N, C-alpha and C. Protein backbone atom coordinates (compact mmCIF):
# COMPACT_ATOMS: atom_id res chain seq x y z
N UNK A 1 66.98 106.66 32.77
CA UNK A 1 68.40 106.79 32.51
C UNK A 1 68.62 108.09 31.74
N UNK A 2 69.61 108.84 32.13
CA UNK A 2 69.91 110.10 31.46
C UNK A 2 70.40 109.84 30.03
N UNK A 3 70.21 110.83 29.17
CA UNK A 3 70.60 110.69 27.77
C UNK A 3 72.09 110.35 27.65
N UNK A 4 72.94 111.04 28.41
CA UNK A 4 74.38 110.76 28.34
C UNK A 4 74.68 109.34 28.79
N UNK A 5 73.97 108.87 29.83
CA UNK A 5 74.17 107.49 30.30
C UNK A 5 73.73 106.49 29.25
N UNK A 6 72.58 106.77 28.60
CA UNK A 6 72.08 105.85 27.57
C UNK A 6 73.05 105.78 26.40
N UNK A 7 73.63 106.93 26.03
CA UNK A 7 74.59 106.96 24.93
C UNK A 7 75.83 106.14 25.30
N UNK A 8 76.33 106.32 26.51
CA UNK A 8 77.51 105.55 26.96
C UNK A 8 77.16 104.07 27.06
N UNK A 9 75.94 103.77 27.52
CA UNK A 9 75.51 102.38 27.67
C UNK A 9 75.50 101.66 26.33
N UNK A 10 75.22 102.38 25.25
CA UNK A 10 75.15 101.74 23.94
C UNK A 10 76.51 101.25 23.46
N UNK A 11 77.58 101.71 24.09
CA UNK A 11 78.93 101.28 23.73
C UNK A 11 79.49 100.27 24.75
N UNK A 12 78.65 99.82 25.68
CA UNK A 12 79.11 99.03 26.80
C UNK A 12 78.54 97.61 26.74
N UNK A 13 79.40 96.61 26.64
CA UNK A 13 78.99 95.22 26.72
C UNK A 13 79.32 94.71 28.13
N UNK A 14 78.56 93.75 28.57
CA UNK A 14 78.79 93.22 29.91
C UNK A 14 78.38 91.75 29.97
N UNK A 15 78.73 91.10 31.06
CA UNK A 15 78.40 89.70 31.28
C UNK A 15 77.29 89.62 32.31
N UNK A 16 76.37 88.67 32.11
CA UNK A 16 75.24 88.51 33.03
C UNK A 16 75.01 87.03 33.24
N UNK A 17 74.86 86.61 34.51
CA UNK A 17 74.57 85.22 34.82
C UNK A 17 73.19 85.13 35.44
N UNK A 18 72.34 84.30 34.84
CA UNK A 18 70.99 84.07 35.35
C UNK A 18 70.95 82.70 36.02
N UNK A 19 70.39 82.65 37.23
CA UNK A 19 70.26 81.39 37.96
C UNK A 19 68.78 81.09 38.11
N UNK A 20 68.39 79.91 37.70
CA UNK A 20 66.98 79.47 37.78
C UNK A 20 66.71 78.84 39.14
N UNK A 21 65.44 78.61 39.44
CA UNK A 21 65.03 78.01 40.71
C UNK A 21 65.65 76.63 40.91
N UNK A 22 65.90 75.91 39.80
CA UNK A 22 66.50 74.58 39.91
C UNK A 22 68.03 74.64 40.00
N UNK A 23 68.58 75.87 40.17
CA UNK A 23 70.01 76.14 40.34
C UNK A 23 70.82 76.01 39.05
N UNK A 24 70.16 75.85 37.91
CA UNK A 24 70.91 75.88 36.65
C UNK A 24 71.28 77.32 36.36
N UNK A 25 72.43 77.50 35.71
CA UNK A 25 72.93 78.85 35.43
C UNK A 25 73.24 78.98 33.94
N UNK A 26 72.96 80.17 33.43
CA UNK A 26 73.37 80.52 32.07
C UNK A 26 74.05 81.88 32.15
N UNK A 27 75.21 81.96 31.51
CA UNK A 27 75.96 83.22 31.48
C UNK A 27 75.94 83.75 30.06
N UNK A 28 75.67 85.04 29.95
CA UNK A 28 75.54 85.69 28.65
C UNK A 28 76.52 86.85 28.55
N UNK A 29 76.99 87.09 27.35
CA UNK A 29 77.66 88.34 27.01
C UNK A 29 76.56 89.20 26.42
N UNK A 30 76.30 90.35 27.02
CA UNK A 30 75.21 91.22 26.58
C UNK A 30 75.79 92.34 25.73
N UNK A 31 75.34 92.41 24.49
CA UNK A 31 75.80 93.41 23.53
C UNK A 31 74.67 94.38 23.24
N UNK A 32 74.98 95.66 23.14
CA UNK A 32 73.99 96.62 22.69
C UNK A 32 74.05 96.65 21.16
N UNK A 33 72.93 96.28 20.53
CA UNK A 33 72.85 96.24 19.07
C UNK A 33 71.75 97.17 18.60
N UNK A 34 72.12 98.24 17.96
CA UNK A 34 71.13 99.15 17.37
C UNK A 34 70.05 99.55 18.37
N UNK A 35 70.49 99.92 19.58
CA UNK A 35 69.58 100.53 20.54
C UNK A 35 68.96 99.65 21.59
N UNK A 36 69.20 98.33 21.54
CA UNK A 36 68.68 97.45 22.59
C UNK A 36 69.63 96.26 22.76
N UNK A 37 69.57 95.61 23.91
CA UNK A 37 70.54 94.55 24.19
C UNK A 37 70.23 93.24 23.47
N UNK A 38 71.29 92.48 23.25
CA UNK A 38 71.20 91.11 22.73
C UNK A 38 72.05 90.24 23.64
N UNK A 39 71.49 89.11 24.09
CA UNK A 39 72.21 88.20 24.98
C UNK A 39 72.79 87.05 24.18
N UNK A 40 74.12 86.93 24.23
CA UNK A 40 74.82 85.83 23.58
C UNK A 40 75.25 84.83 24.67
N UNK A 41 74.72 83.62 24.61
CA UNK A 41 75.05 82.60 25.60
C UNK A 41 76.54 82.26 25.51
N UNK A 42 77.24 82.28 26.66
CA UNK A 42 78.67 81.98 26.69
C UNK A 42 79.02 80.80 27.60
N UNK A 43 78.17 80.52 28.61
CA UNK A 43 78.42 79.42 29.54
C UNK A 43 77.09 78.82 29.97
N UNK A 44 77.11 77.53 30.29
CA UNK A 44 75.96 76.86 30.87
C UNK A 44 76.43 76.13 32.12
N UNK A 45 75.84 76.44 33.25
CA UNK A 45 76.19 75.83 34.53
C UNK A 45 77.68 75.96 34.85
N UNK A 46 78.23 77.12 34.55
CA UNK A 46 79.62 77.40 34.88
C UNK A 46 80.64 76.82 33.93
N UNK A 47 80.18 76.14 32.88
CA UNK A 47 81.09 75.53 31.91
C UNK A 47 81.01 76.27 30.58
N UNK A 48 82.16 76.51 29.96
CA UNK A 48 82.12 77.14 28.63
C UNK A 48 81.36 76.27 27.64
N UNK A 49 80.80 76.89 26.63
CA UNK A 49 80.09 76.15 25.60
C UNK A 49 81.07 75.32 24.78
N UNK A 50 80.58 74.24 24.20
CA UNK A 50 81.40 73.44 23.29
C UNK A 50 81.69 74.28 22.05
N UNK A 51 82.64 73.84 21.27
CA UNK A 51 83.00 74.55 20.03
C UNK A 51 81.78 74.69 19.12
N UNK A 52 80.97 73.62 18.99
CA UNK A 52 79.78 73.67 18.15
C UNK A 52 78.75 74.65 18.70
N UNK A 53 78.56 74.65 20.02
CA UNK A 53 77.62 75.58 20.63
C UNK A 53 78.09 77.03 20.44
N UNK A 54 79.41 77.25 20.57
CA UNK A 54 79.96 78.59 20.35
C UNK A 54 79.69 79.06 18.93
N UNK A 55 79.89 78.16 17.97
CA UNK A 55 79.63 78.51 16.56
C UNK A 55 78.16 78.86 16.36
N UNK A 56 77.27 78.08 16.97
CA UNK A 56 75.84 78.33 16.84
C UNK A 56 75.47 79.69 17.45
N UNK A 57 76.03 80.01 18.61
CA UNK A 57 75.75 81.30 19.25
C UNK A 57 76.30 82.46 18.41
N UNK A 58 77.47 82.28 17.83
CA UNK A 58 78.03 83.31 16.95
C UNK A 58 77.15 83.49 15.72
N UNK A 59 76.64 82.38 15.19
CA UNK A 59 75.74 82.43 14.04
C UNK A 59 74.45 83.18 14.41
N UNK A 60 73.89 82.90 15.58
CA UNK A 60 72.68 83.60 16.03
C UNK A 60 72.93 85.10 16.17
N UNK A 61 74.09 85.46 16.75
CA UNK A 61 74.44 86.87 16.91
C UNK A 61 74.56 87.54 15.56
N UNK A 62 75.24 86.89 14.62
CA UNK A 62 75.39 87.46 13.27
C UNK A 62 74.04 87.66 12.60
N UNK A 63 73.15 86.66 12.74
CA UNK A 63 71.80 86.78 12.16
C UNK A 63 71.03 87.95 12.77
N UNK A 64 71.15 88.11 14.10
CA UNK A 64 70.44 89.19 14.77
C UNK A 64 71.01 90.54 14.39
N UNK A 65 72.33 90.64 14.27
CA UNK A 65 72.94 91.89 13.79
C UNK A 65 72.40 92.26 12.42
N UNK A 66 72.35 91.28 11.53
CA UNK A 66 71.85 91.53 10.18
C UNK A 66 70.38 91.93 10.19
N UNK A 67 69.59 91.23 10.99
CA UNK A 67 68.16 91.55 11.07
C UNK A 67 67.95 92.97 11.55
N UNK A 68 68.67 93.35 12.61
CA UNK A 68 68.51 94.70 13.16
C UNK A 68 69.06 95.76 12.20
N UNK A 69 70.13 95.42 11.52
CA UNK A 69 70.73 96.36 10.56
C UNK A 69 69.75 96.67 9.43
N UNK A 70 68.94 95.69 9.04
CA UNK A 70 68.04 95.85 7.89
C UNK A 70 66.58 96.09 8.27
N UNK A 71 66.27 96.21 9.57
CA UNK A 71 64.87 96.42 9.95
C UNK A 71 64.43 97.82 9.56
N UNK A 72 63.13 98.00 9.41
CA UNK A 72 62.59 99.31 9.05
C UNK A 72 62.79 100.28 10.22
N UNK A 73 62.73 101.55 9.91
CA UNK A 73 62.87 102.57 10.95
C UNK A 73 61.73 102.43 11.97
N UNK A 74 60.54 102.11 11.49
CA UNK A 74 59.39 101.93 12.39
C UNK A 74 59.61 100.76 13.33
N UNK A 75 60.08 99.63 12.80
CA UNK A 75 60.33 98.45 13.63
C UNK A 75 61.43 98.74 14.66
N UNK A 76 62.48 99.43 14.21
CA UNK A 76 63.57 99.77 15.14
C UNK A 76 63.06 100.70 16.24
N UNK A 77 62.29 101.69 15.86
CA UNK A 77 61.74 102.64 16.84
C UNK A 77 60.89 101.91 17.87
N UNK A 78 60.06 100.97 17.42
CA UNK A 78 59.22 100.21 18.35
C UNK A 78 60.06 99.34 19.28
N UNK A 79 61.08 98.68 18.73
CA UNK A 79 61.94 97.81 19.55
C UNK A 79 62.68 98.63 20.59
N UNK A 80 63.26 99.74 20.17
CA UNK A 80 64.02 100.58 21.10
C UNK A 80 63.09 101.22 22.13
N UNK A 81 61.91 101.65 21.71
CA UNK A 81 60.94 102.24 22.65
C UNK A 81 60.53 101.22 23.71
N UNK A 82 60.32 99.96 23.32
CA UNK A 82 59.96 98.92 24.28
C UNK A 82 61.09 98.70 25.28
N UNK A 83 62.33 98.67 24.79
CA UNK A 83 63.48 98.51 25.68
C UNK A 83 63.59 99.70 26.64
N UNK A 84 63.44 100.91 26.13
CA UNK A 84 63.54 102.10 26.98
C UNK A 84 62.40 102.14 28.01
N UNK A 85 61.20 101.72 27.62
CA UNK A 85 60.09 101.68 28.57
C UNK A 85 60.39 100.71 29.70
N UNK A 86 60.97 99.55 29.36
CA UNK A 86 61.34 98.58 30.39
C UNK A 86 62.42 99.15 31.30
N UNK A 87 63.40 99.81 30.72
CA UNK A 87 64.46 100.45 31.52
C UNK A 87 63.89 101.51 32.44
N UNK A 88 62.97 102.32 31.93
CA UNK A 88 62.35 103.37 32.74
C UNK A 88 61.54 102.77 33.88
N UNK A 89 60.81 101.67 33.59
CA UNK A 89 60.04 100.99 34.63
C UNK A 89 60.98 100.46 35.71
N UNK A 90 62.07 99.84 35.29
CA UNK A 90 63.05 99.32 36.24
C UNK A 90 63.65 100.44 37.08
N UNK A 91 63.94 101.57 36.43
CA UNK A 91 64.50 102.72 37.15
C UNK A 91 63.53 103.27 38.19
N UNK A 92 62.24 103.34 37.83
CA UNK A 92 61.23 103.82 38.79
C UNK A 92 61.13 102.86 39.97
N UNK A 93 61.18 101.55 39.68
CA UNK A 93 61.13 100.57 40.76
C UNK A 93 62.31 100.76 41.71
N UNK A 94 63.52 100.90 41.16
CA UNK A 94 64.69 101.08 42.01
C UNK A 94 64.60 102.35 42.84
N UNK A 95 64.09 103.42 42.23
CA UNK A 95 63.95 104.69 42.95
C UNK A 95 62.97 104.52 44.12
N UNK A 96 61.84 103.87 43.86
CA UNK A 96 60.85 103.65 44.92
C UNK A 96 61.39 102.70 45.98
N UNK A 97 62.06 101.66 45.55
CA UNK A 97 62.63 100.69 46.48
C UNK A 97 63.62 101.37 47.42
N UNK A 98 64.47 102.23 46.85
CA UNK A 98 65.49 102.89 47.68
C UNK A 98 64.86 103.87 48.66
N UNK A 99 63.67 104.37 48.36
CA UNK A 99 62.97 105.28 49.27
C UNK A 99 62.23 104.53 50.37
N UNK A 100 61.97 103.24 50.19
CA UNK A 100 61.17 102.47 51.13
C UNK A 100 62.00 101.85 52.26
N UNK A 101 63.32 101.90 52.15
CA UNK A 101 64.18 101.26 53.14
C UNK A 101 65.33 102.18 53.53
N UNK A 102 65.88 101.93 54.71
CA UNK A 102 67.20 102.47 55.04
C UNK A 102 68.16 101.31 54.86
N UNK A 103 69.33 101.61 54.35
CA UNK A 103 70.31 100.57 54.06
C UNK A 103 71.56 100.79 54.90
N UNK A 104 72.12 99.67 55.35
CA UNK A 104 73.35 99.72 56.15
C UNK A 104 74.28 98.62 55.65
N UNK A 105 75.50 99.02 55.31
CA UNK A 105 76.51 98.05 54.90
C UNK A 105 76.99 97.33 56.16
N UNK A 106 76.82 95.99 56.17
CA UNK A 106 77.17 95.24 57.37
C UNK A 106 78.40 94.35 57.19
N UNK A 107 78.92 94.28 55.97
CA UNK A 107 80.11 93.46 55.77
C UNK A 107 80.34 93.14 54.32
N UNK A 108 81.28 92.24 54.11
CA UNK A 108 81.61 91.73 52.78
C UNK A 108 81.74 90.23 52.88
N UNK A 109 81.46 89.54 51.77
CA UNK A 109 81.64 88.09 51.73
C UNK A 109 81.85 87.67 50.29
N UNK A 110 82.22 86.40 50.11
CA UNK A 110 82.40 85.87 48.77
C UNK A 110 81.14 85.11 48.37
N UNK A 111 80.68 85.35 47.15
CA UNK A 111 79.51 84.67 46.60
C UNK A 111 79.83 84.29 45.17
N UNK A 112 79.81 83.01 44.87
CA UNK A 112 80.14 82.52 43.52
C UNK A 112 81.47 83.09 43.02
N UNK A 113 82.47 83.09 43.89
CA UNK A 113 83.82 83.54 43.56
C UNK A 113 83.92 85.05 43.32
N UNK A 114 82.94 85.81 43.81
CA UNK A 114 82.96 87.27 43.69
C UNK A 114 82.82 87.88 45.08
N UNK A 115 83.56 88.95 45.34
CA UNK A 115 83.39 89.68 46.58
C UNK A 115 82.13 90.53 46.46
N UNK A 116 81.24 90.41 47.45
CA UNK A 116 79.99 91.16 47.46
C UNK A 116 79.82 91.86 48.81
N UNK A 117 79.03 92.91 48.81
CA UNK A 117 78.68 93.59 50.04
C UNK A 117 77.46 92.93 50.65
N UNK A 118 77.42 92.89 51.97
CA UNK A 118 76.24 92.44 52.71
C UNK A 118 75.56 93.70 53.21
N UNK A 119 74.31 93.86 52.81
CA UNK A 119 73.56 95.07 53.13
C UNK A 119 72.32 94.70 53.93
N UNK A 120 72.10 95.42 55.02
CA UNK A 120 70.89 95.25 55.82
C UNK A 120 69.88 96.31 55.36
N UNK A 121 68.65 95.89 55.09
CA UNK A 121 67.60 96.81 54.65
C UNK A 121 66.48 96.82 55.69
N UNK A 122 66.17 98.00 56.20
CA UNK A 122 65.10 98.15 57.18
C UNK A 122 64.00 99.00 56.59
N UNK A 123 62.75 98.47 56.58
CA UNK A 123 61.65 99.25 56.00
C UNK A 123 61.46 100.57 56.74
N UNK A 124 61.18 101.63 55.99
CA UNK A 124 60.94 102.93 56.60
C UNK A 124 59.53 103.03 57.18
N UNK A 125 58.58 102.31 56.55
CA UNK A 125 57.21 102.31 57.05
C UNK A 125 56.58 100.98 56.67
N UNK A 126 55.51 100.65 57.36
CA UNK A 126 54.79 99.43 57.06
C UNK A 126 53.87 99.68 55.87
N UNK A 127 53.89 98.79 54.92
CA UNK A 127 53.04 98.91 53.74
C UNK A 127 51.70 98.26 54.08
N UNK A 128 50.62 99.00 53.89
CA UNK A 128 49.28 98.48 54.15
C UNK A 128 48.95 97.37 53.16
N UNK A 129 48.34 96.30 53.66
CA UNK A 129 47.98 95.19 52.77
C UNK A 129 46.53 95.27 52.39
């Protein structure tokens, strides 16, 4: 990720929904805190958290903010470096993935109440096993 993108990303919060193999879902509000993301649980299986669960998640977020605010420079550097290494690994994977296929937009459809693109991916070459 470019330096300008990383700087802008640090001011950007977003929502993320993870779906497990058993079809359970958890939705998080992802906050950038002192150089790396923190996931705050906001929904479970499409339902908002109860008032008590919301309070607990807010308490966890406050504790993590305080912990990161008071961590040593060395600990912060290690945490941020680990996050950046993971981001760089993910970026390399996406770059390689995009080089291994040709992509064709074949349509649009609704998925979980969101409009999504349907993309056809054709391998550019056979990968030796």
